[in-house]
mmCIF file of all heavy atoms, coordinates in Angstrom:
data_MODEL
# 
_entry.id   MODEL 
# 
loop_
_atom_site.group_PDB 
_atom_site.id 
_atom_site.type_symbol 
_atom_site.label_atom_id 
_atom_site.label_alt_id 
_atom_site.label_comp_id 
_atom_site.label_asym_id 
_atom_site.label_entity_id 
_atom_site.label_seq_id 
_atom_site.pdbx_PDB_ins_code 
_atom_site.Cartn_x 
_atom_site.Cartn_y 
_atom_site.Cartn_z 
_atom_site.occupancy 
_atom_site.B_iso_or_equiv 
_atom_site.pdbx_formal_charge 
_atom_site.auth_seq_id 
_atom_site.auth_comp_id 
_atom_site.auth_asym_id 
_atom_site.auth_atom_id 
_atom_site.pdbx_PDB_model_num 
ATOM 1   N N   . GLY A 1 1  ? 0.794  -1.215 0.000   1.00 0.00 ? 1  GLY A N   1 
ATOM 2   C CA  . GLY A 1 1  ? 0.000  0.000  0.000   1.00 0.00 ? 1  GLY A CA  1 
ATOM 3   C C   . GLY A 1 1  ? 0.832  1.272  0.000   1.00 0.00 ? 1  GLY A C   1 
ATOM 4   O O   . GLY A 1 1  ? 0.306  2.361  -0.282  1.00 0.00 ? 1  GLY A O   1 
ATOM 5   N N   . ARG A 1 2  ? 2.120  1.158  0.292   1.00 0.00 ? 2  ARG A N   1 
ATOM 6   C CA  . ARG A 1 2  ? 3.002  2.322  0.299   1.00 0.00 ? 2  ARG A CA  1 
ATOM 7   C C   . ARG A 1 2  ? 3.563  2.631  -1.086  1.00 0.00 ? 2  ARG A C   1 
ATOM 8   O O   . ARG A 1 2  ? 4.257  3.638  -1.257  1.00 0.00 ? 2  ARG A O   1 
ATOM 9   C CB  . ARG A 1 2  ? 4.194  2.081  1.237   1.00 0.00 ? 2  ARG A CB  1 
ATOM 10  C CG  . ARG A 1 2  ? 3.854  2.038  2.707   1.00 0.00 ? 2  ARG A CG  1 
ATOM 11  C CD  . ARG A 1 2  ? 3.451  3.378  3.238   1.00 0.00 ? 2  ARG A CD  1 
ATOM 12  N NE  . ARG A 1 2  ? 4.436  4.426  2.983   1.00 0.00 ? 2  ARG A NE  1 
ATOM 13  C CZ  . ARG A 1 2  ? 4.192  5.721  3.133   1.00 0.00 ? 2  ARG A CZ  1 
ATOM 14  N NH1 . ARG A 1 2  ? 3.005  6.128  3.513   1.00 0.00 ? 2  ARG A NH1 1 
ATOM 15  N NH2 . ARG A 1 2  ? 5.137  6.629  2.895   1.00 0.00 ? 2  ARG A NH2 1 
ATOM 16  N N   . HIS A 1 3  ? 3.259  1.795  -2.060  1.00 0.00 ? 3  HIS A N   1 
ATOM 17  C CA  . HIS A 1 3  ? 3.891  1.921  -3.372  1.00 0.00 ? 3  HIS A CA  1 
ATOM 18  C C   . HIS A 1 3  ? 3.729  3.313  -3.964  1.00 0.00 ? 3  HIS A C   1 
ATOM 19  O O   . HIS A 1 3  ? 4.672  3.878  -4.535  1.00 0.00 ? 3  HIS A O   1 
ATOM 20  C CB  . HIS A 1 3  ? 3.327  0.878  -4.336  1.00 0.00 ? 3  HIS A CB  1 
ATOM 21  C CG  . HIS A 1 3  ? 3.850  0.990  -5.728  1.00 0.00 ? 3  HIS A CG  1 
ATOM 22  N ND1 . HIS A 1 3  ? 5.138  0.643  -6.071  1.00 0.00 ? 3  HIS A ND1 1 
ATOM 23  C CD2 . HIS A 1 3  ? 3.262  1.443  -6.875  1.00 0.00 ? 3  HIS A CD2 1 
ATOM 24  C CE1 . HIS A 1 3  ? 5.325  0.870  -7.362  1.00 0.00 ? 3  HIS A CE1 1 
ATOM 25  N NE2 . HIS A 1 3  ? 4.215  1.350  -7.878  1.00 0.00 ? 3  HIS A NE2 1 
ATOM 26  N N   . CYS A 1 4  ? 2.535  3.903  -3.815  1.00 0.00 ? 4  CYS A N   1 
ATOM 27  C CA  . CYS A 1 4  ? 2.287  5.210  -4.428  1.00 0.00 ? 4  CYS A CA  1 
ATOM 28  C C   . CYS A 1 4  ? 3.038  6.330  -3.723  1.00 0.00 ? 4  CYS A C   1 
ATOM 29  O O   . CYS A 1 4  ? 3.084  7.463  -4.230  1.00 0.00 ? 4  CYS A O   1 
ATOM 30  C CB  . CYS A 1 4  ? 0.787  5.513  -4.448  1.00 0.00 ? 4  CYS A CB  1 
ATOM 31  S SG  . CYS A 1 4  ? 0.064  5.817  -2.822  1.00 0.00 ? 4  CYS A SG  1 
ATOM 32  N N   . ARG A 1 5  ? 3.635  6.037  -2.552  1.00 0.00 ? 5  ARG A N   1 
ATOM 33  C CA  . ARG A 1 5  ? 4.376  7.063  -1.805  1.00 0.00 ? 5  ARG A CA  1 
ATOM 34  C C   . ARG A 1 5  ? 5.884  6.844  -1.858  1.00 0.00 ? 5  ARG A C   1 
ATOM 35  O O   . ARG A 1 5  ? 6.636  7.554  -1.188  1.00 0.00 ? 5  ARG A O   1 
ATOM 36  C CB  . ARG A 1 5  ? 3.934  7.063  -0.335  1.00 0.00 ? 5  ARG A CB  1 
ATOM 37  C CG  . ARG A 1 5  ? 2.469  7.356  -0.123  1.00 0.00 ? 5  ARG A CG  1 
ATOM 38  C CD  . ARG A 1 5  ? 2.096  8.737  -0.588  1.00 0.00 ? 5  ARG A CD  1 
ATOM 39  N NE  . ARG A 1 5  ? 0.671  8.990  -0.467  1.00 0.00 ? 5  ARG A NE  1 
ATOM 40  C CZ  . ARG A 1 5  ? 0.029  9.945  -1.109  1.00 0.00 ? 5  ARG A CZ  1 
ATOM 41  N NH1 . ARG A 1 5  ? 0.687  10.731 -1.937  1.00 0.00 ? 5  ARG A NH1 1 
ATOM 42  N NH2 . ARG A 1 5  ? -1.264 10.110 -0.958  1.00 0.00 ? 5  ARG A NH2 1 
ATOM 43  N N   . THR A 1 6  ? 6.339  5.861  -2.629  1.00 0.00 ? 6  THR A N   1 
ATOM 44  C CA  . THR A 1 6  ? 7.765  5.598  -2.717  1.00 0.00 ? 6  THR A CA  1 
ATOM 45  C C   . THR A 1 6  ? 8.335  6.187  -3.998  1.00 0.00 ? 6  THR A C   1 
ATOM 46  O O   . THR A 1 6  ? 7.628  6.410  -4.977  1.00 0.00 ? 6  THR A O   1 
ATOM 47  C CB  . THR A 1 6  ? 8.053  4.084  -2.687  1.00 0.00 ? 6  THR A CB  1 
ATOM 48  O OG1 . THR A 1 6  ? 7.353  3.452  -3.766  1.00 0.00 ? 6  THR A OG1 1 
ATOM 49  C CG2 . THR A 1 6  ? 7.607  3.478  -1.368  1.00 0.00 ? 6  THR A CG2 1 
ATOM 50  N N   . ARG A 1 7  ? 9.636  6.417  -3.994  1.00 0.00 ? 7  ARG A N   1 
ATOM 51  C CA  . ARG A 1 7  ? 10.325 6.953  -5.166  1.00 0.00 ? 7  ARG A CA  1 
ATOM 52  C C   . ARG A 1 7  ? 11.229 5.877  -5.764  1.00 0.00 ? 7  ARG A C   1 
ATOM 53  O O   . ARG A 1 7  ? 11.527 4.876  -5.132  1.00 0.00 ? 7  ARG A O   1 
ATOM 54  C CB  . ARG A 1 7  ? 11.167 8.170  -4.776  1.00 0.00 ? 7  ARG A CB  1 
ATOM 55  C CG  . ARG A 1 7  ? 10.329 9.348  -4.261  1.00 0.00 ? 7  ARG A CG  1 
ATOM 56  C CD  . ARG A 1 7  ? 11.176 10.590 -4.131  1.00 0.00 ? 7  ARG A CD  1 
ATOM 57  N NE  . ARG A 1 7  ? 12.278 10.388 -3.185  1.00 0.00 ? 7  ARG A NE  1 
ATOM 58  C CZ  . ARG A 1 7  ? 13.314 11.214 -3.058  1.00 0.00 ? 7  ARG A CZ  1 
ATOM 59  N NH1 . ARG A 1 7  ? 13.402 12.281 -3.852  1.00 0.00 ? 7  ARG A NH1 1 
ATOM 60  N NH2 . ARG A 1 7  ? 14.258 10.978 -2.166  1.00 0.00 ? 7  ARG A NH2 1 
ATOM 61  N N   . GLY A 1 8  ? 11.660 6.140  -6.987  1.00 0.00 ? 8  GLY A N   1 
ATOM 62  C CA  . GLY A 1 8  ? 12.533 5.171  -7.660  1.00 0.00 ? 8  GLY A CA  1 
ATOM 63  C C   . GLY A 1 8  ? 11.764 4.412  -8.716  1.00 0.00 ? 8  GLY A C   1 
ATOM 64  O O   . GLY A 1 8  ? 10.601 4.091  -8.542  1.00 0.00 ? 8  GLY A O   1 
ATOM 65  N N   . GLY A 1 9  ? 12.420 4.115  -9.808  1.00 0.00 ? 9  GLY A N   1 
ATOM 66  C CA  . GLY A 1 9  ? 11.795 3.405  -10.909 1.00 0.00 ? 9  GLY A CA  1 
ATOM 67  C C   . GLY A 1 9  ? 12.418 2.051  -11.135 1.00 0.00 ? 9  GLY A C   1 
ATOM 68  O O   . GLY A 1 9  ? 13.080 1.476  -10.262 1.00 0.00 ? 9  GLY A O   1 
ATOM 69  N N   . PHE A 1 10 ? 12.222 1.543  -12.338 1.00 0.00 ? 10 PHE A N   1 
ATOM 70  C CA  . PHE A 1 10 ? 12.685 0.194  -12.673 1.00 0.00 ? 10 PHE A CA  1 
ATOM 71  C C   . PHE A 1 10 ? 14.197 0.048  -12.480 1.00 0.00 ? 10 PHE A C   1 
ATOM 72  O O   . PHE A 1 10 ? 14.674 -0.893 -11.855 1.00 0.00 ? 10 PHE A O   1 
ATOM 73  C CB  . PHE A 1 10 ? 12.308 -0.135 -14.116 1.00 0.00 ? 10 PHE A CB  1 
ATOM 74  C CG  . PHE A 1 10 ? 12.883 -1.431 -14.600 1.00 0.00 ? 10 PHE A CG  1 
ATOM 75  C CD1 . PHE A 1 10 ? 12.305 -2.637 -14.262 1.00 0.00 ? 10 PHE A CD1 1 
ATOM 76  C CD2 . PHE A 1 10 ? 14.037 -1.441 -15.386 1.00 0.00 ? 10 PHE A CD2 1 
ATOM 77  C CE1 . PHE A 1 10 ? 12.849 -3.839 -14.707 1.00 0.00 ? 10 PHE A CE1 1 
ATOM 78  C CE2 . PHE A 1 10 ? 14.581 -2.633 -15.834 1.00 0.00 ? 10 PHE A CE2 1 
ATOM 79  C CZ  . PHE A 1 10 ? 13.988 -3.836 -15.489 1.00 0.00 ? 10 PHE A CZ  1 
ATOM 80  N N   . PHE A 1 11 ? 14.972 0.992  -13.018 1.00 0.00 ? 11 PHE A N   1 
ATOM 81  C CA  . PHE A 1 11 ? 16.429 0.867  -12.955 1.00 0.00 ? 11 PHE A CA  1 
ATOM 82  C C   . PHE A 1 11 ? 16.946 1.023  -11.531 1.00 0.00 ? 11 PHE A C   1 
ATOM 83  O O   . PHE A 1 11 ? 17.880 0.323  -11.117 1.00 0.00 ? 11 PHE A O   1 
ATOM 84  C CB  . PHE A 1 11 ? 17.084 1.890  -13.886 1.00 0.00 ? 11 PHE A CB  1 
ATOM 85  C CG  . PHE A 1 11 ? 16.875 1.578  -15.341 1.00 0.00 ? 11 PHE A CG  1 
ATOM 86  C CD1 . PHE A 1 11 ? 16.009 2.342  -16.109 1.00 0.00 ? 11 PHE A CD1 1 
ATOM 87  C CD2 . PHE A 1 11 ? 17.519 0.498  -15.928 1.00 0.00 ? 11 PHE A CD2 1 
ATOM 88  C CE1 . PHE A 1 11 ? 15.799 2.052  -17.448 1.00 0.00 ? 11 PHE A CE1 1 
ATOM 89  C CE2 . PHE A 1 11 ? 17.320 0.196  -17.277 1.00 0.00 ? 11 PHE A CE2 1 
ATOM 90  C CZ  . PHE A 1 11 ? 16.452 0.980  -18.033 1.00 0.00 ? 11 PHE A CZ  1 
ATOM 91  N N   . ALA A 1 12 ? 16.339 1.935  -10.765 1.00 0.00 ? 12 ALA A N   1 
ATOM 92  C CA  . ALA A 1 12 ? 16.761 2.107  -9.377  1.00 0.00 ? 12 ALA A CA  1 
ATOM 93  C C   . ALA A 1 12 ? 16.536 0.826  -8.584  1.00 0.00 ? 12 ALA A C   1 
ATOM 94  O O   . ALA A 1 12 ? 17.376 0.409  -7.784  1.00 0.00 ? 12 ALA A O   1 
ATOM 95  C CB  . ALA A 1 12 ? 16.007 3.269  -8.739  1.00 0.00 ? 12 ALA A CB  1 
ATOM 96  N N   . ASN A 1 13 ? 15.401 0.165  -8.823  1.00 0.00 ? 13 ASN A N   1 
ATOM 97  C CA  . ASN A 1 13 ? 15.115 -1.080 -8.121  1.00 0.00 ? 13 ASN A CA  1 
ATOM 98  C C   . ASN A 1 13 ? 16.025 -2.202 -8.605  1.00 0.00 ? 13 ASN A C   1 
ATOM 99  O O   . ASN A 1 13 ? 16.511 -3.013 -7.807  1.00 0.00 ? 13 ASN A O   1 
ATOM 100 C CB  . ASN A 1 13 ? 13.643 -1.468 -8.320  1.00 0.00 ? 13 ASN A CB  1 
ATOM 101 C CG  . ASN A 1 13 ? 12.712 -0.685 -7.419  1.00 0.00 ? 13 ASN A CG  1 
ATOM 102 O OD1 . ASN A 1 13 ? 12.509 -1.066 -6.275  1.00 0.00 ? 13 ASN A OD1 1 
ATOM 103 N ND2 . ASN A 1 13 ? 12.168 0.405  -7.943  1.00 0.00 ? 13 ASN A ND2 1 
ATOM 104 N N   . ALA A 1 14 ? 16.255 -2.274 -9.917  1.00 0.00 ? 14 ALA A N   1 
ATOM 105 C CA  . ALA A 1 14 ? 17.095 -3.334 -10.462 1.00 0.00 ? 14 ALA A CA  1 
ATOM 106 C C   . ALA A 1 14 ? 18.530 -3.238 -9.951  1.00 0.00 ? 14 ALA A C   1 
ATOM 107 O O   . ALA A 1 14 ? 19.189 -4.252 -9.691  1.00 0.00 ? 14 ALA A O   1 
ATOM 108 C CB  . ALA A 1 14 ? 17.072 -3.280 -11.988 1.00 0.00 ? 14 ALA A CB  1 
ATOM 109 N N   . LEU A 1 15 ? 19.016 -2.012 -9.787  1.00 0.00 ? 15 LEU A N   1 
ATOM 110 C CA  . LEU A 1 15 ? 20.397 -1.798 -9.342  1.00 0.00 ? 15 LEU A CA  1 
ATOM 111 C C   . LEU A 1 15 ? 20.520 -1.698 -7.826  1.00 0.00 ? 15 LEU A C   1 
ATOM 112 O O   . LEU A 1 15 ? 21.636 -1.571 -7.312  1.00 0.00 ? 15 LEU A O   1 
ATOM 113 C CB  . LEU A 1 15 ? 20.949 -0.519 -9.982  1.00 0.00 ? 15 LEU A CB  1 
ATOM 114 C CG  . LEU A 1 15 ? 21.045 -0.536 -11.510 1.00 0.00 ? 15 LEU A CG  1 
ATOM 115 C CD1 . LEU A 1 15 ? 21.427 0.843  -12.035 1.00 0.00 ? 15 LEU A CD1 1 
ATOM 116 C CD2 . LEU A 1 15 ? 22.058 -1.586 -11.973 1.00 0.00 ? 15 LEU A CD2 1 
ATOM 117 N N   . ARG A 1 16 ? 19.371 -1.765 -7.137  1.00 0.00 ? 16 ARG A N   1 
ATOM 118 C CA  . ARG A 1 16 ? 19.361 -1.682 -5.670  1.00 0.00 ? 16 ARG A CA  1 
ATOM 119 C C   . ARG A 1 16 ? 20.088 -0.430 -5.195  1.00 0.00 ? 16 ARG A C   1 
ATOM 120 O O   . ARG A 1 16 ? 20.962 -0.468 -4.308  1.00 0.00 ? 16 ARG A O   1 
ATOM 121 C CB  . ARG A 1 16 ? 19.993 -2.928 -5.042  1.00 0.00 ? 16 ARG A CB  1 
ATOM 122 C CG  . ARG A 1 16 ? 19.359 -4.237 -5.446  1.00 0.00 ? 16 ARG A CG  1 
ATOM 123 C CD  . ARG A 1 16 ? 17.895 -4.293 -5.054  1.00 0.00 ? 16 ARG A CD  1 
ATOM 124 N NE  . ARG A 1 16 ? 17.734 -4.179 -3.603  1.00 0.00 ? 16 ARG A NE  1 
ATOM 125 C CZ  . ARG A 1 16 ? 16.573 -3.966 -2.990  1.00 0.00 ? 16 ARG A CZ  1 
ATOM 126 N NH1 . ARG A 1 16 ? 15.488 -3.794 -3.705  1.00 0.00 ? 16 ARG A NH1 1 
ATOM 127 N NH2 . ARG A 1 16 ? 16.507 -3.899 -1.684  1.00 0.00 ? 16 ARG A NH2 1 
ATOM 128 N N   . LEU A 1 17 ? 19.760 0.702  -5.770  1.00 0.00 ? 17 LEU A N   1 
ATOM 129 C CA  . LEU A 1 17 ? 20.374 1.961  -5.384  1.00 0.00 ? 17 LEU A CA  1 
ATOM 130 C C   . LEU A 1 17 ? 19.980 2.321  -3.946  1.00 0.00 ? 17 LEU A C   1 
ATOM 131 O O   . LEU A 1 17 ? 18.951 1.869  -3.446  1.00 0.00 ? 17 LEU A O   1 
ATOM 132 C CB  . LEU A 1 17 ? 19.940 3.067  -6.343  1.00 0.00 ? 17 LEU A CB  1 
ATOM 133 C CG  . LEU A 1 17 ? 20.378 2.897  -7.806  1.00 0.00 ? 17 LEU A CG  1 
ATOM 134 C CD1 . LEU A 1 17 ? 19.887 4.065  -8.636  1.00 0.00 ? 17 LEU A CD1 1 
ATOM 135 C CD2 . LEU A 1 17 ? 21.893 2.753  -7.909  1.00 0.00 ? 17 LEU A CD2 1 
ATOM 136 N N   . PRO A 1 18 ? 20.791 3.142  -3.273  1.00 0.00 ? 18 PRO A N   1 
ATOM 137 C CA  . PRO A 1 18 ? 20.495 3.520  -1.879  1.00 0.00 ? 18 PRO A CA  1 
ATOM 138 C C   . PRO A 1 18 ? 19.097 4.099  -1.702  1.00 0.00 ? 18 PRO A C   1 
ATOM 139 O O   . PRO A 1 18 ? 18.462 3.894  -0.662  1.00 0.00 ? 18 PRO A O   1 
ATOM 140 C CB  . PRO A 1 18 ? 21.584 4.553  -1.571  1.00 0.00 ? 18 PRO A CB  1 
ATOM 141 C CG  . PRO A 1 18 ? 22.714 4.176  -2.459  1.00 0.00 ? 18 PRO A CG  1 
ATOM 142 C CD  . PRO A 1 18 ? 22.090 3.668  -3.725  1.00 0.00 ? 18 PRO A CD  1 
ATOM 143 N N   . LEU A 1 19 ? 18.644 4.837  -2.710  1.00 0.00 ? 19 LEU A N   1 
ATOM 144 C CA  . LEU A 1 19 ? 17.304 5.409  -2.652  1.00 0.00 ? 19 LEU A CA  1 
ATOM 145 C C   . LEU A 1 19 ? 16.254 4.340  -2.408  1.00 0.00 ? 19 LEU A C   1 
ATOM 146 O O   . LEU A 1 19 ? 15.319 4.523  -1.621  1.00 0.00 ? 19 LEU A O   1 
ATOM 147 C CB  . LEU A 1 19 ? 17.002 6.143  -3.963  1.00 0.00 ? 19 LEU A CB  1 
ATOM 148 C CG  . LEU A 1 19 ? 15.572 6.664  -4.157  1.00 0.00 ? 19 LEU A CG  1 
ATOM 149 C CD1 . LEU A 1 19 ? 15.269 7.764  -3.158  1.00 0.00 ? 19 LEU A CD1 1 
ATOM 150 C CD2 . LEU A 1 19 ? 15.387 7.169  -5.581  1.00 0.00 ? 19 LEU A CD2 1 
ATOM 151 N N   . VAL A 1 20 ? 16.406 3.188  -3.067  1.00 0.00 ? 20 VAL A N   1 
ATOM 152 C CA  . VAL A 1 20 ? 15.443 2.102  -2.928  1.00 0.00 ? 20 VAL A CA  1 
ATOM 153 C C   . VAL A 1 20 ? 15.488 1.518  -1.528  1.00 0.00 ? 20 VAL A C   1 
ATOM 154 O O   . VAL A 1 20 ? 14.453 1.277  -0.894  1.00 0.00 ? 20 VAL A O   1 
ATOM 155 C CB  . VAL A 1 20 ? 15.710 1.008  -3.978  1.00 0.00 ? 20 VAL A CB  1 
ATOM 156 C CG1 . VAL A 1 20 ? 14.805 -0.199 -3.744  1.00 0.00 ? 20 VAL A CG1 1 
ATOM 157 C CG2 . VAL A 1 20 ? 15.496 1.567  -5.380  1.00 0.00 ? 20 VAL A CG2 1 
ATOM 158 N N   . SER A 1 21 ? 16.679 1.286  -1.008  1.00 0.00 ? 21 SER A N   1 
ATOM 159 C CA  . SER A 1 21 ? 16.816 0.717  0.337   1.00 0.00 ? 21 SER A CA  1 
ATOM 160 C C   . SER A 1 21 ? 16.219 1.636  1.394   1.00 0.00 ? 21 SER A C   1 
ATOM 161 O O   . SER A 1 21 ? 15.533 1.182  2.318   1.00 0.00 ? 21 SER A O   1 
ATOM 162 C CB  . SER A 1 21 ? 18.294 0.453  0.649   1.00 0.00 ? 21 SER A CB  1 
ATOM 163 O OG  . SER A 1 21 ? 18.825 -0.515 -0.232  1.00 0.00 ? 21 SER A OG  1 
ATOM 164 N N   . ARG A 1 22 ? 16.470 2.937  1.256   1.00 0.00 ? 22 ARG A N   1 
ATOM 165 C CA  . ARG A 1 22 ? 15.900 3.884  2.218   1.00 0.00 ? 22 ARG A CA  1 
ATOM 166 C C   . ARG A 1 22 ? 14.381 3.881  2.132   1.00 0.00 ? 22 ARG A C   1 
ATOM 167 O O   . ARG A 1 22 ? 13.689 3.945  3.161   1.00 0.00 ? 22 ARG A O   1 
ATOM 168 C CB  . ARG A 1 22 ? 16.439 5.292  1.942   1.00 0.00 ? 22 ARG A CB  1 
ATOM 169 C CG  . ARG A 1 22 ? 17.903 5.488  2.317   1.00 0.00 ? 22 ARG A CG  1 
ATOM 170 C CD  . ARG A 1 22 ? 18.250 6.961  2.378   1.00 0.00 ? 22 ARG A CD  1 
ATOM 171 N NE  . ARG A 1 22 ? 18.055 7.642  1.100   1.00 0.00 ? 22 ARG A NE  1 
ATOM 172 C CZ  . ARG A 1 22 ? 18.995 7.740  0.168   1.00 0.00 ? 22 ARG A CZ  1 
ATOM 173 N NH1 . ARG A 1 22 ? 20.198 7.178  0.366   1.00 0.00 ? 22 ARG A NH1 1 
ATOM 174 N NH2 . ARG A 1 22 ? 18.754 8.378  -0.962  1.00 0.00 ? 22 ARG A NH2 1 
ATOM 175 N N   . GLY A 1 23 ? 13.863 3.802  0.905   1.00 0.00 ? 23 GLY A N   1 
ATOM 176 C CA  . GLY A 1 23 ? 12.421 3.775  0.729   1.00 0.00 ? 23 GLY A CA  1 
ATOM 177 C C   . GLY A 1 23 ? 11.786 2.544  1.346   1.00 0.00 ? 23 GLY A C   1 
ATOM 178 O O   . GLY A 1 23 ? 10.713 2.621  1.954   1.00 0.00 ? 23 GLY A O   1 
ATOM 179 N N   . GLU A 1 24 ? 12.440 1.398  1.206   1.00 0.00 ? 24 GLU A N   1 
ATOM 180 C CA  . GLU A 1 24 ? 11.920 0.160  1.775   1.00 0.00 ? 24 GLU A CA  1 
ATOM 181 C C   . GLU A 1 24 ? 11.912 0.216  3.295   1.00 0.00 ? 24 GLU A C   1 
ATOM 182 O O   . GLU A 1 24 ? 10.966 -0.240 3.945   1.00 0.00 ? 24 GLU A O   1 
ATOM 183 C CB  . GLU A 1 24 ? 12.744 -1.030 1.289   1.00 0.00 ? 24 GLU A CB  1 
ATOM 184 C CG  . GLU A 1 24 ? 12.510 -1.379 -0.176  1.00 0.00 ? 24 GLU A CG  1 
ATOM 185 C CD  . GLU A 1 24 ? 13.319 -2.575 -0.625  1.00 0.00 ? 24 GLU A CD  1 
ATOM 186 O OE1 . GLU A 1 24 ? 14.189 -3.022 0.161   1.00 0.00 ? 24 GLU A OE1 1 
ATOM 187 O OE2 . GLU A 1 24 ? 13.093 -3.058 -1.738  1.00 0.00 ? 24 GLU A OE2 1 
ATOM 188 N N   . ARG A 1 25 ? 12.969 0.786  3.874   1.00 0.00 ? 25 ARG A N   1 
ATOM 189 C CA  . ARG A 1 25 ? 13.020 0.902  5.335   1.00 0.00 ? 25 ARG A CA  1 
ATOM 190 C C   . ARG A 1 25 ? 11.918 1.832  5.845   1.00 0.00 ? 25 ARG A C   1 
ATOM 191 O O   . ARG A 1 25 ? 11.257 1.544  6.848   1.00 0.00 ? 25 ARG A O   1 
ATOM 192 C CB  . ARG A 1 25 ? 14.385 1.412  5.781   1.00 0.00 ? 25 ARG A CB  1 
ATOM 193 C CG  . ARG A 1 25 ? 15.509 0.387  5.651   1.00 0.00 ? 25 ARG A CG  1 
ATOM 194 C CD  . ARG A 1 25 ? 16.734 0.821  6.424   1.00 0.00 ? 25 ARG A CD  1 
ATOM 195 N NE  . ARG A 1 25 ? 17.288 2.075  5.916   1.00 0.00 ? 25 ARG A NE  1 
ATOM 196 C CZ  . ARG A 1 25 ? 18.208 2.139  4.966   1.00 0.00 ? 25 ARG A CZ  1 
ATOM 197 N NH1 . ARG A 1 25 ? 18.662 1.022  4.407   1.00 0.00 ? 25 ARG A NH1 1 
ATOM 198 N NH2 . ARG A 1 25 ? 18.674 3.312  4.564   1.00 0.00 ? 25 ARG A NH2 1 
# 
């Protein structure tokens, strides 16, 4: 349900960029 409030796209998720990890936390 948080998906619409997170940032980052396909490439950010595929590369596991720090932005994605912070968003998941």
